[in-house]
Amino acid sequence: MCGIVGLFTKNPAFEDRLGDYLSSMLIEMSDRGPDSAGVAIYRNPTGKDGVKLSLFSADDDYPWRTLAKELGKELGDKISIEVRASHAILVVHEDFPVIQAWLRHHHSELKVMSAGNTIEIFKEKGLPKDVVERFNLRDLKGSHALGHTRMATESAVTTAHSHPFSTGLDLCLVHNGSLSNHNRLRQVLAREGIEFQTDNDTEVAAGYLAWRLREGASLDEALEAAIKDLDGFYTFAVGTRDGFAVLRDPIACKHAVLAETDDWVAMATEYRAIAVLPGAEKAKIWEPAPAQIYSWGRA
């Protein structure tokens, strides 16, 4: 099962309502994924010298402010922090590998959900409606976002196993379907230095794209290679700093719908999630073709 939603704003006026619109779309996919839900939203760029981290703690009373002060003292810099339920968004003026190494050494209890210039990830166990309310997702503004509702079939129901998965800076992936060769690919990618936090097959697909991009491929080129190298059936929605892409496998047995107006581009597993958007009744609507890449972005 599982449900995917995505929204890319073409009209800046829609950016103020991005979280609200995406939340409504996510809730429409509740019966396709009642186990957990999550979103990746692209907003508030940090600038060239900053990196934004989405961190997760299983402790509801985690001392996030103390962490920020400790890290700021270590770096000699003021750390900005925004806490939303079990997650916190830190903006740090330092290279990500340095921050990652420091966190592993001093705070291994924390999980890095994403890192980059604009990406923020919020995901948790529970019904999509509850996840939306817990993180207060409706008030988020941004340029584009992806969401996922999960019905766990191949791995545990935990926050870490929830989608989206991010394995590269400002890169995330949500997935409906199943990969048959993910264990072999995991071994290959691990030898290439790609790290994984779970046994979820979707994280392997995200790691594959991160590896291809690291090797110099464009997103379209990485997805073209994925058609050959990833075995299974799937619908992918991929987020990047500047946009997003959609890809179905060559058989395309998993549902997907795309829609576009002058104001936005949206995708969802079912049309009912798109129908909640303003202007949906006038949108160009189509089913993405098998093994064809659809992408939108900003210069």
C-alpha atoms as a PDB file:
ATOM      1  CA  MET A   1       0.000   0.000   0.000  1.00  0.00           C
ATOM      2  CA  CYS A   2       1.538   3.301   1.220  1.00  0.00           C
ATOM      3  CA  GLY A   3       0.645   6.748  -0.054  1.00  0.00           C
ATOM      4  CA  ILE A   4       2.812   9.426  -1.648  1.00  0.00           C
ATOM      5  CA  VAL A   5       2.096  13.121  -2.074  1.00  0.00           C
ATOM      6  CA  GLY A   6       4.192  15.936  -3.502  1.00  0.00           C
ATOM      7  CA  LEU A   7       3.673  19.629  -4.157  1.00  0.00           C
ATOM      8  CA  PHE A   8       5.879  22.078  -6.060  1.00  0.00           C
ATOM      9  CA  THR A   9       4.889  25.754  -6.071  1.00  0.00           C
ATOM     10  CA  LYS A  10       5.208  27.688  -9.330  1.00  0.00           C
ATOM     11  CA  ASN A  11       3.512  30.798  -7.954  1.00  0.00           C
ATOM     12  CA  PRO A  12       5.343  32.327  -4.928  1.00  0.00           C
ATOM     13  CA  ALA A  13       1.983  33.272  -3.445  1.00  0.00           C
ATOM     14  CA  PHE A  14       1.362  29.584  -2.739  1.00  0.00           C
ATOM     15  CA  GLU A  15       4.512  29.191  -0.631  1.00  0.00           C
ATOM     16  CA  ASP A  16       2.790  30.598   2.471  1.00  0.00           C
ATOM     17  CA  ARG A  17       0.214  27.765   2.347  1.00  0.00           C
ATOM     18  CA  LEU A  18       2.520  24.928   1.343  1.00  0.00           C
ATOM     19  CA  GLY A  19       2.388  23.156   4.709  1.00  0.00           C
ATOM     20  CA  ASP A  20      -1.368  23.502   4.907  1.00  0.00           C
ATOM     21  CA  TYR A  21      -1.954  22.129   1.419  1.00  0.00           C
ATOM     22  CA  LEU A  22       0.517  19.271   1.819  1.00  0.00           C
ATOM     23  CA  SER A  23      -0.991  18.308   5.192  1.00  0.00           C
ATOM     24  CA  SER A  24      -4.448  18.009   3.634  1.00  0.00           C
ATOM     25  CA  MET A  25      -3.009  15.861   0.856  1.00  0.00           C
ATOM     26  CA  LEU A  26      -1.198  13.649   3.381  1.00  0.00           C
ATOM     27  CA  ILE A  27      -4.317  13.071   5.474  1.00  0.00           C
ATOM     28  CA  GLU A  28      -6.215  11.980   2.342  1.00  0.00           C
ATOM     29  CA  MET A  29      -3.747   9.069   2.088  1.00  0.00           C
ATOM     30  CA  SER A  30      -4.383   7.847   5.656  1.00  0.00           C
ATOM     31  CA  ASP A  31      -6.033   4.566   4.741  1.00  0.00           C
ATOM     32  CA  ARG A  32      -3.079   3.710   2.509  1.00  0.00           C
ATOM     33  CA  GLY A  33      -0.632   4.200   5.387  1.00  0.00           C
ATOM     34  CA  PRO A  34      -1.903   4.262   8.976  1.00  0.00           C
ATOM     35  CA  ASP A  35       1.364   3.159  10.606  1.00  0.00           C
ATOM     36  CA  SER A  36       3.449   6.312  10.218  1.00  0.00           C
ATOM     37  CA  ALA A  37       3.768   9.482   8.184  1.00  0.00           C
ATOM     38  CA  GLY A  38       6.399  12.027   7.300  1.00  0.00           C
ATOM     39  CA  VAL A  39       7.251  15.010   5.155  1.00  0.00           C
ATOM     40  CA  ALA A  40      10.324  16.607   3.628  1.00  0.00           C
ATOM     41  CA  ILE A  41       9.871  20.329   3.168  1.00  0.00           C
ATOM     42  CA  TYR A  42      12.233  22.726   1.439  1.00  0.00           C
ATOM     43  CA  ARG A  43      12.296  26.180   3.037  1.00  0.00           C
ATOM     44  CA  ASN A  44      14.465  28.883   4.625  1.00  0.00           C
ATOM     45  CA  PRO A  45      17.796  28.408   2.777  1.00  0.00           C
ATOM     46  CA  THR A  46      20.757  28.738   5.124  1.00  0.00           C
ATOM     47  CA  GLY A  47      23.155  30.334   2.652  1.00  0.00           C
ATOM     48  CA  LYS A  48      26.430  28.976   1.306  1.00  0.00           C
ATOM     49  CA  ASP A  49      28.229  28.794   4.656  1.00  0.00           C
ATOM     50  CA  GLY A  50      25.479  27.102   6.627  1.00  0.00           C
ATOM     51  CA  VAL A  51      24.088  23.593   6.966  1.00  0.00           C
ATOM     52  CA  LYS A  52      20.672  22.685   8.308  1.00  0.00           C
ATOM     53  CA  LEU A  53      20.171  19.416  10.199  1.00  0.00           C
ATOM     54  CA  SER A  54      16.945  17.639  11.085  1.00  0.00           C
ATOM     55  CA  LEU A  55      17.580  15.688  14.288  1.00  0.00           C
ATOM     56  CA  PHE A  56      15.387  13.123  16.057  1.00  0.00           C
ATOM     57  CA  SER A  57      15.338  12.021  19.675  1.00  0.00           C
ATOM     58  CA  ALA A  58      13.231   9.224  21.138  1.00  0.00           C
ATOM     59  CA  ASP A  59      13.160  11.228  24.388  1.00  0.00           C
ATOM     60  CA  ASP A  60      10.174  13.586  24.368  1.00  0.00           C
ATOM     61  CA  ASP A  61      11.924  15.777  26.931  1.00  0.00           C
ATOM     62  CA  TYR A  62      15.283  15.924  25.196  1.00  0.00           C
ATOM     63  CA  PRO A  63      17.303  19.051  26.213  1.00  0.00           C
ATOM     64  CA  TRP A  64      17.620  20.535  22.730  1.00  0.00           C
ATOM     65  CA  ARG A  65      18.582  23.999  23.961  1.00  0.00           C
ATOM     66  CA  THR A  66      21.436  22.536  25.994  1.00  0.00           C
ATOM     67  CA  LEU A  67      22.638  20.688  22.908  1.00  0.00           C
ATOM     68  CA  ALA A  68      22.633  23.911  20.880  1.00  0.00           C
ATOM     69  CA  LYS A  69      24.636  25.730  23.554  1.00  0.00           C
ATOM     70  CA  GLU A  70      27.131  22.869  23.791  1.00  0.00           C
ATOM     71  CA  LEU A  71      27.611  22.762  20.043  1.00  0.00           C
ATOM     72  CA  GLY A  72      27.875  26.540  19.835  1.00  0.00           C
ATOM     73  CA  LYS A  73      30.583  26.544  22.493  1.00  0.00           C
ATOM     74  CA  GLU A  74      32.462  23.828  20.586  1.00  0.00           C
ATOM     75  CA  LEU A  75      32.339  25.757  17.312  1.00  0.00           C
ATOM     76  CA  GLY A  76      32.549  29.254  18.724  1.00  0.00           C
ATOM     77  CA  ASP A  77      29.337  30.101  16.893  1.00  0.00           C
ATOM     78  CA  LYS A  78      25.715  30.818  17.735  1.00  0.00           C
ATOM     79  CA  ILE A  79      23.504  27.888  16.756  1.00  0.00           C
ATOM     80  CA  SER A  80      19.899  28.533  15.758  1.00  0.00           C
ATOM     81  CA  ILE A  81      17.416  25.857  16.743  1.00  0.00           C
ATOM     82  CA  GLU A  82      13.722  25.180  16.161  1.00  0.00           C
ATOM     83  CA  VAL A  83      12.095  22.375  18.131  1.00  0.00           C
ATOM     84  CA  ARG A  84       9.030  20.554  16.830  1.00  0.00           C
ATOM     85  CA  ALA A  85       7.948  17.633  19.015  1.00  0.00           C
ATOM     86  CA  SER A  86      10.551  14.844  18.730  1.00  0.00           C
ATOM     87  CA  HIS A  87      12.575  16.701  16.094  1.00  0.00           C
ATOM     88  CA  ALA A  88      14.786  19.760  16.091  1.00  0.00           C
ATOM     89  CA  ILE A  89      16.141  21.832  13.214  1.00  0.00           C
ATOM     90  CA  LEU A  90      19.680  23.126  13.799  1.00  0.00           C
ATOM     91  CA  VAL A  91      21.431  25.625  11.543  1.00  0.00           C
ATOM     92  CA  VAL A  92      25.206  25.472  11.895  1.00  0.00           C
ATOM     93  CA  HIS A  93      27.953  27.391  10.113  1.00  0.00           C
ATOM     94  CA  GLU A  94      30.271  24.452   9.585  1.00  0.00           C
ATOM     95  CA  ASP A  95      30.769  21.633   7.086  1.00  0.00           C
ATOM     96  CA  PHE A  96      28.357  18.748   7.562  1.00  0.00           C
ATOM     97  CA  PRO A  97      31.038  16.018   8.036  1.00  0.00           C
ATOM     98  CA  VAL A  98      32.445  17.995  10.979  1.00  0.00           C
ATOM     99  CA  ILE A  99      29.022  18.268  12.633  1.00  0.00           C
ATOM    100  CA  GLN A 100      28.198  14.651  11.868  1.00  0.00           C
ATOM    101  CA  ALA A 101      31.435  13.446  13.496  1.00  0.00           C
ATOM    102  CA  TRP A 102      30.833  15.631  16.575  1.00  0.00           C
ATOM    103  CA  LEU A 103      27.295  14.323  17.019  1.00  0.00           C
ATOM    104  CA  ARG A 104      28.400  10.720  16.699  1.00  0.00           C
ATOM    105  CA  HIS A 105      31.119  11.202  19.320  1.00  0.00           C
ATOM    106  CA  HIS A 106      29.152  13.270  21.842  1.00  0.00           C
ATOM    107  CA  HIS A 107      25.467  12.499  21.147  1.00  0.00           C
ATOM    108  CA  SER A 108      25.094   9.098  19.522  1.00  0.00           C
ATOM    109  CA  GLU A 109      21.551   8.926  20.928  1.00  0.00           C
ATOM    110  CA  LEU A 110      20.433  11.377  18.224  1.00  0.00           C
ATOM    111  CA  LYS A 111      19.539  10.449  14.656  1.00  0.00           C
ATOM    112  CA  VAL A 112      20.255  12.760  11.722  1.00  0.00           C
ATOM    113  CA  MET A 113      17.143  12.628   9.544  1.00  0.00           C
ATOM    114  CA  SER A 114      18.428  15.054   6.901  1.00  0.00           C
ATOM    115  CA  ALA A 115      21.091  17.642   6.191  1.00  0.00           C
ATOM    116  CA  GLY A 116      21.491  20.322   3.577  1.00  0.00           C
ATOM    117  CA  ASN A 117      20.819  23.919   2.730  1.00  0.00           C
ATOM    118  CA  THR A 118      17.015  23.888   2.624  1.00  0.00           C
ATOM    119  CA  ILE A 119      15.618  20.431   3.493  1.00  0.00           C
ATOM    120  CA  GLU A 120      13.796  19.656   6.733  1.00  0.00           C
ATOM    121  CA  ILE A 121      12.332  16.230   7.543  1.00  0.00           C
ATOM    122  CA  PHE A 122       9.641  15.470  10.107  1.00  0.00           C
ATOM    123  CA  LYS A 123       8.405  11.902  10.479  1.00  0.00           C
ATOM    124  CA  GLU A 124       6.872   9.804  13.219  1.00  0.00           C
ATOM    125  CA  LYS A 125       4.752   6.772  14.037  1.00  0.00           C
ATOM    126  CA  GLY A 126       0.999   7.177  14.093  1.00  0.00           C
ATOM    127  CA  LEU A 127      -1.873   8.257  11.895  1.00  0.00           C
ATOM    128  CA  PRO A 128      -1.091  11.004   9.358  1.00  0.00           C
ATOM    129  CA  LYS A 129      -3.568  13.365  11.062  1.00  0.00           C
ATOM    130  CA  ASP A 130      -1.781  12.909  14.382  1.00  0.00           C
ATOM    131  CA  VAL A 131       1.636  13.425  12.791  1.00  0.00           C
ATOM    132  CA  VAL A 132       0.422  16.633  11.114  1.00  0.00           C
ATOM    133  CA  GLU A 133      -0.849  17.943  14.439  1.00  0.00           C
ATOM    134  CA  ARG A 134       2.169  16.825  16.455  1.00  0.00           C
ATOM    135  CA  PHE A 135       4.618  18.711  14.253  1.00  0.00           C
ATOM    136  CA  ASN A 136       2.210  21.558  13.496  1.00  0.00           C
ATOM    137  CA  LEU A 137       2.964  21.018   9.826  1.00  0.00           C
ATOM    138  CA  ARG A 138       0.180  23.247   8.535  1.00  0.00           C
ATOM    139  CA  ASP A 139       2.024  26.436   9.466  1.00  0.00           C
ATOM    140  CA  LEU A 140       5.146  25.596   7.442  1.00  0.00           C
ATOM    141  CA  LYS A 141       5.973  27.786   4.461  1.00  0.00           C
ATOM    142  CA  GLY A 142       8.236  26.645   1.641  1.00  0.00           C
ATOM    143  CA  SER A 143       8.859  26.159  -2.039  1.00  0.00           C
ATOM    144  CA  HIS A 144       8.114  22.434  -2.363  1.00  0.00           C
ATOM    145  CA  ALA A 145       7.594  19.306  -0.287  1.00  0.00           C
ATOM    146  CA  LEU A 146       7.034  15.557  -0.350  1.00  0.00           C
ATOM    147  CA  GLY A 147       5.020  13.398   2.011  1.00  0.00           C
ATOM    148  CA  HIS A 148       4.433   9.715   2.698  1.00  0.00           C
ATOM    149  CA  THR A 149       1.989   7.566   4.652  1.00  0.00           C
ATOM    150  CA  ARG A 150       3.283   4.092   5.431  1.00  0.00           C
ATOM    151  CA  MET A 151       1.715   0.694   5.769  1.00  0.00           C
ATOM    152  CA  ALA A 152       4.664  -1.342   7.009  1.00  0.00           C
ATOM    153  CA  THR A 153       5.099  -4.608   5.112  1.00  0.00           C
ATOM    154  CA  GLU A 154       8.854  -5.219   5.006  1.00  0.00           C
ATOM    155  CA  SER A 155      10.343  -3.621   8.140  1.00  0.00           C
ATOM    156  CA  ALA A 156       9.491  -2.403  11.633  1.00  0.00           C
ATOM    157  CA  VAL A 157       7.059   0.354  12.531  1.00  0.00           C
ATOM    158  CA  THR A 158       9.486   2.886  13.957  1.00  0.00           C
ATOM    159  CA  THR A 159      10.286   6.534  13.404  1.00  0.00           C
ATOM    160  CA  ALA A 160      13.565   5.618  11.720  1.00  0.00           C
ATOM    161  CA  HIS A 161      11.828   3.267   9.264  1.00  0.00           C
ATOM    162  CA  SER A 162       9.286   5.912   8.267  1.00  0.00           C
ATOM    163  CA  HIS A 163       9.619   7.887   5.038  1.00  0.00           C
ATOM    164  CA  PRO A 164      11.066  10.179   3.716  1.00  0.00           C
ATOM    165  CA  PHE A 165      14.649   8.932   3.633  1.00  0.00           C
ATOM    166  CA  SER A 166      17.538  11.311   3.075  1.00  0.00           C
ATOM    167  CA  THR A 167      21.007   9.971   2.252  1.00  0.00           C
ATOM    168  CA  GLY A 168      22.590  13.031   0.633  1.00  0.00           C
ATOM    169  CA  LEU A 169      22.568  16.776   1.162  1.00  0.00           C
ATOM    170  CA  ASP A 170      19.119  18.182   0.304  1.00  0.00           C
ATOM    171  CA  LEU A 171      18.143  14.837  -1.265  1.00  0.00           C
ATOM    172  CA  CYS A 172      15.180  12.758  -0.153  1.00  0.00           C
ATOM    173  CA  LEU A 173      13.051   9.952  -1.512  1.00  0.00           C
ATOM    174  CA  VAL A 174       9.622   8.476  -0.803  1.00  0.00           C
ATOM    175  CA  HIS A 175       8.582   5.153  -2.264  1.00  0.00           C
ATOM    176  CA  ASN A 176       5.500   3.062  -2.844  1.00  0.00           C
ATOM    177  CA  GLY A 177       6.369  -0.515  -3.760  1.00  0.00           C
ATOM    178  CA  SER A 178       9.124  -3.007  -3.079  1.00  0.00           C
ATOM    179  CA  LEU A 179      12.672  -3.646  -4.310  1.00  0.00           C
ATOM    180  CA  SER A 180      13.903  -7.210  -4.739  1.00  0.00           C
ATOM    181  CA  ASN A 181      17.656  -6.555  -4.949  1.00  0.00           C
ATOM    182  CA  HIS A 182      18.086  -4.037  -2.136  1.00  0.00           C
ATOM    183  CA  ASN A 183      20.271  -6.301   0.033  1.00  0.00           C
ATOM    184  CA  ARG A 184      22.836  -6.763  -2.730  1.00  0.00           C
ATOM    185  CA  LEU A 185      22.751  -3.069  -3.571  1.00  0.00           C
ATOM    186  CA  ARG A 186      23.213  -2.178   0.090  1.00  0.00           C
ATOM    187  CA  GLN A 187      26.487  -4.116   0.123  1.00  0.00           C
ATOM    188  CA  VAL A 188      27.698  -2.427  -3.070  1.00  0.00           C
ATOM    189  CA  LEU A 189      26.795   1.044  -1.820  1.00  0.00           C
ATOM    190  CA  ALA A 190      28.351   0.440   1.594  1.00  0.00           C
ATOM    191  CA  ARG A 191      31.666  -0.248  -0.149  1.00  0.00           C
ATOM    192  CA  GLU A 192      31.224   3.129  -1.861  1.00  0.00           C
ATOM    193  CA  GLY A 193      30.893   4.864   1.492  1.00  0.00           C
ATOM    194  CA  ILE A 194      27.092   5.260   1.567  1.00  0.00           C
ATOM    195  CA  GLU A 195      25.790   4.843   5.133  1.00  0.00           C
ATOM    196  CA  PHE A 196      22.419   3.430   6.177  1.00  0.00           C
ATOM    197  CA  GLN A 197      20.463   3.703   9.411  1.00  0.00           C
ATOM    198  CA  THR A 198      17.788   1.048   8.739  1.00  0.00           C
ATOM    199  CA  ASP A 199      17.098  -2.153   6.800  1.00  0.00           C
ATOM    200  CA  ASN A 200      14.355  -0.439   4.756  1.00  0.00           C
ATOM    201  CA  ASP A 201      14.588  -0.973   0.981  1.00  0.00           C
ATOM    202  CA  THR A 202      13.598   2.651   0.344  1.00  0.00           C
ATOM    203  CA  GLU A 203      16.701   3.883   2.122  1.00  0.00           C
ATOM    204  CA  VAL A 204      18.763   1.800  -0.304  1.00  0.00           C
ATOM    205  CA  ALA A 205      17.063   3.485  -3.261  1.00  0.00           C
ATOM    206  CA  ALA A 206      17.805   6.889  -1.719  1.00  0.00           C
ATOM    207  CA  GLY A 207      21.417   5.837  -1.127  1.00  0.00           C
ATOM    208  CA  TYR A 208      21.716   4.712  -4.728  1.00  0.00           C
ATOM    209  CA  LEU A 209      20.618   8.113  -6.012  1.00  0.00           C
ATOM    210  CA  ALA A 210      22.957   9.889  -3.579  1.00  0.00           C
ATOM    211  CA  TRP A 211      25.850   7.788  -4.879  1.00  0.00           C
ATOM    212  CA  ARG A 212      25.024   8.498  -8.518  1.00  0.00           C
ATOM    213  CA  LEU A 213      24.759  12.230  -7.837  1.00  0.00           C
ATOM    214  CA  ARG A 214      28.042  12.178  -5.921  1.00  0.00           C
ATOM    215  CA  GLU A 215      29.690  10.570  -8.940  1.00  0.00           C
ATOM    216  CA  GLY A 216      28.628  13.497 -11.119  1.00  0.00           C
ATOM    217  CA  ALA A 217      25.294  12.406 -12.591  1.00  0.00           C
ATOM    218  CA  SER A 218      22.380  14.802 -12.890  1.00  0.00           C
ATOM    219  CA  LEU A 219      19.153  13.773 -11.173  1.00  0.00           C
ATOM    220  CA  ASP A 220      17.642  12.662 -14.481  1.00  0.00           C
ATOM    221  CA  GLU A 221      20.767  10.636 -15.268  1.00  0.00           C
ATOM    222  CA  ALA A 222      20.681   9.029 -11.829  1.00  0.00           C
ATOM    223  CA  LEU A 223      17.055   8.040 -12.306  1.00  0.00           C
ATOM    224  CA  GLU A 224      17.782   6.669 -15.783  1.00  0.00           C
ATOM    225  CA  ALA A 225      20.456   4.452 -14.238  1.00  0.00           C
ATOM    226  CA  ALA A 226      18.044   3.415 -11.481  1.00  0.00           C
ATOM    227  CA  ILE A 227      15.662   1.975 -14.071  1.00  0.00           C
ATOM    228  CA  LYS A 228      18.393  -0.486 -15.033  1.00  0.00           C
ATOM    229  CA  ASP A 229      19.912  -1.165 -11.609  1.00  0.00           C
ATOM    230  CA  LEU A 230      16.889  -1.337  -9.280  1.00  0.00           C
ATOM    231  CA  ASP A 231      14.777  -4.475  -9.526  1.00  0.00           C
ATOM    232  CA  GLY A 232      11.213  -4.436  -8.289  1.00  0.00           C
ATOM    233  CA  PHE A 233       8.054  -2.400  -8.621  1.00  0.00           C
ATOM    234  CA  TYR A 234       7.920   1.157  -7.411  1.00  0.00           C
ATOM    235  CA  THR A 235       6.782   4.721  -7.683  1.00  0.00           C
ATOM    236  CA  PHE A 236       9.470   7.153  -6.564  1.00  0.00           C
ATOM    237  CA  ALA A 237       9.111  10.805  -5.686  1.00  0.00           C
ATOM    238  CA  VAL A 238      12.482  12.467  -5.221  1.00  0.00           C
ATOM    239  CA  GLY A 239      13.136  15.846  -3.652  1.00  0.00           C
ATOM    240  CA  THR A 240      16.161  18.038  -4.286  1.00  0.00           C
ATOM    241  CA  ARG A 241      17.117  21.551  -3.245  1.00  0.00           C
ATOM    242  CA  ASP A 242      15.631  23.013  -6.424  1.00  0.00           C
ATOM    243  CA  GLY A 243      12.719  20.744  -7.257  1.00  0.00           C
ATOM    244  CA  PHE A 244      11.380  17.215  -7.434  1.00  0.00           C
ATOM    245  CA  ALA A 245      11.012  14.273  -9.801  1.00  0.00           C
ATOM    246  CA  VAL A 246       8.669  11.316 -10.234  1.00  0.00           C
ATOM    247  CA  LEU A 247       9.520   7.896 -11.653  1.00  0.00           C
ATOM    248  CA  ARG A 248       7.581   4.646 -12.017  1.00  0.00           C
ATOM    249  CA  ASP A 249       9.218   1.323 -12.836  1.00  0.00           C
ATOM    250  CA  PRO A 250       8.862  -0.206 -16.352  1.00  0.00           C
ATOM    251  CA  ILE A 251       5.837  -2.268 -15.287  1.00  0.00           C
ATOM    252  CA  ALA A 252       4.186   0.606 -13.368  1.00  0.00           C
ATOM    253  CA  CYS A 253       1.766  -1.427 -11.294  1.00  0.00           C
ATOM    254  CA  LYS A 254       1.848   1.049  -8.395  1.00  0.00           C
ATOM    255  CA  HIS A 255      -0.593   3.945  -8.583  1.00  0.00           C
ATOM    256  CA  ALA A 256       0.461   7.499  -9.398  1.00  0.00           C
ATOM    257  CA  VAL A 257      -1.236  10.664 -10.655  1.00  0.00           C
ATOM    258  CA  LEU A 258       0.318  13.966 -11.749  1.00  0.00           C
ATOM    259  CA  ALA A 259      -1.419  17.322 -12.062  1.00  0.00           C
ATOM    260  CA  GLU A 260      -0.248  20.785 -13.094  1.00  0.00           C
ATOM    261  CA  THR A 261      -1.655  24.301 -13.126  1.00  0.00           C
ATOM    262  CA  ASP A 262      -0.063  27.708 -13.601  1.00  0.00           C
ATOM    263  CA  ASP A 263       0.386  27.852  -9.814  1.00  0.00           C
ATOM    264  CA  TRP A 264       1.608  24.391  -8.823  1.00  0.00           C
ATOM    265  CA  VAL A 265       2.610  20.855  -9.763  1.00  0.00           C
ATOM    266  CA  ALA A 266       1.321  17.997  -7.633  1.00  0.00           C
ATOM    267  CA  MET A 267       1.641  14.237  -7.526  1.00  0.00           C
ATOM    268  CA  ALA A 268      -0.139  11.669  -5.422  1.00  0.00           C
ATOM    269  CA  THR A 269      -0.844   7.981  -5.271  1.00  0.00           C
ATOM    270  CA  GLU A 270      -4.533   8.760  -5.792  1.00  0.00           C
ATOM    271  CA  TYR A 271      -6.291  11.770  -7.293  1.00  0.00           C
ATOM    272  CA  ARG A 272      -8.336  12.435  -4.153  1.00  0.00           C
ATOM    273  CA  ALA A 273      -5.185  13.842  -2.522  1.00  0.00           C
ATOM    274  CA  ILE A 274      -4.798  16.322  -5.392  1.00  0.00           C
ATOM    275  CA  ALA A 275      -8.475  17.263  -5.370  1.00  0.00           C
ATOM    276  CA  VAL A 276      -8.024  19.205  -2.106  1.00  0.00           C
ATOM    277  CA  LEU A 277      -5.803  21.777  -3.851  1.00  0.00           C
ATOM    278  CA  PRO A 278      -7.191  25.104  -5.093  1.00  0.00           C
ATOM    279  CA  GLY A 279      -7.669  25.014  -8.852  1.00  0.00           C
ATOM    280  CA  ALA A 280      -7.506  21.213  -9.061  1.00  0.00           C
ATOM    281  CA  GLU A 281     -10.670  21.129 -11.136  1.00  0.00           C
ATOM    282  CA  LYS A 282      -8.869  23.063 -13.893  1.00  0.00           C
ATOM    283  CA  ALA A 283      -5.545  21.218 -13.711  1.00  0.00           C
ATOM    284  CA  LYS A 284      -3.968  19.164 -16.447  1.00  0.00           C
ATOM    285  CA  ILE A 285      -4.130  15.630 -15.042  1.00  0.00           C
ATOM    286  CA  TRP A 286      -2.371  12.520 -16.285  1.00  0.00           C
ATOM    287  CA  GLU A 287      -0.977   9.168 -15.241  1.00  0.00           C
ATOM    288  CA  PRO A 288       2.837   9.099 -15.457  1.00  0.00           C
ATOM    289  CA  ALA A 289       4.053   6.643 -18.066  1.00  0.00           C
ATOM    290  CA  PRO A 290       6.198   3.646 -17.111  1.00  0.00           C
ATOM    291  CA  ALA A 291       9.968   4.269 -16.922  1.00  0.00           C
ATOM    292  CA  GLN A 292       9.609   7.937 -17.847  1.00  0.00           C
ATOM    293  CA  ILE A 293      11.133  10.663 -15.705  1.00  0.00           C
ATOM    294  CA  TYR A 294       9.085  13.725 -14.841  1.00  0.00           C
ATOM    295  CA  SER A 295      10.907  16.560 -13.130  1.00  0.00           C
ATOM    296  CA  TRP A 296      10.375  20.208 -12.190  1.00  0.00           C
ATOM    297  CA  GLY A 297      12.836  22.650 -10.732  1.00  0.00           C
ATOM    298  CA  ARG A 298      14.112  26.166 -10.334  1.00  0.00           C
ATOM    299  CA  ALA A 299      17.252  27.570 -11.905  1.00  0.00           C
END
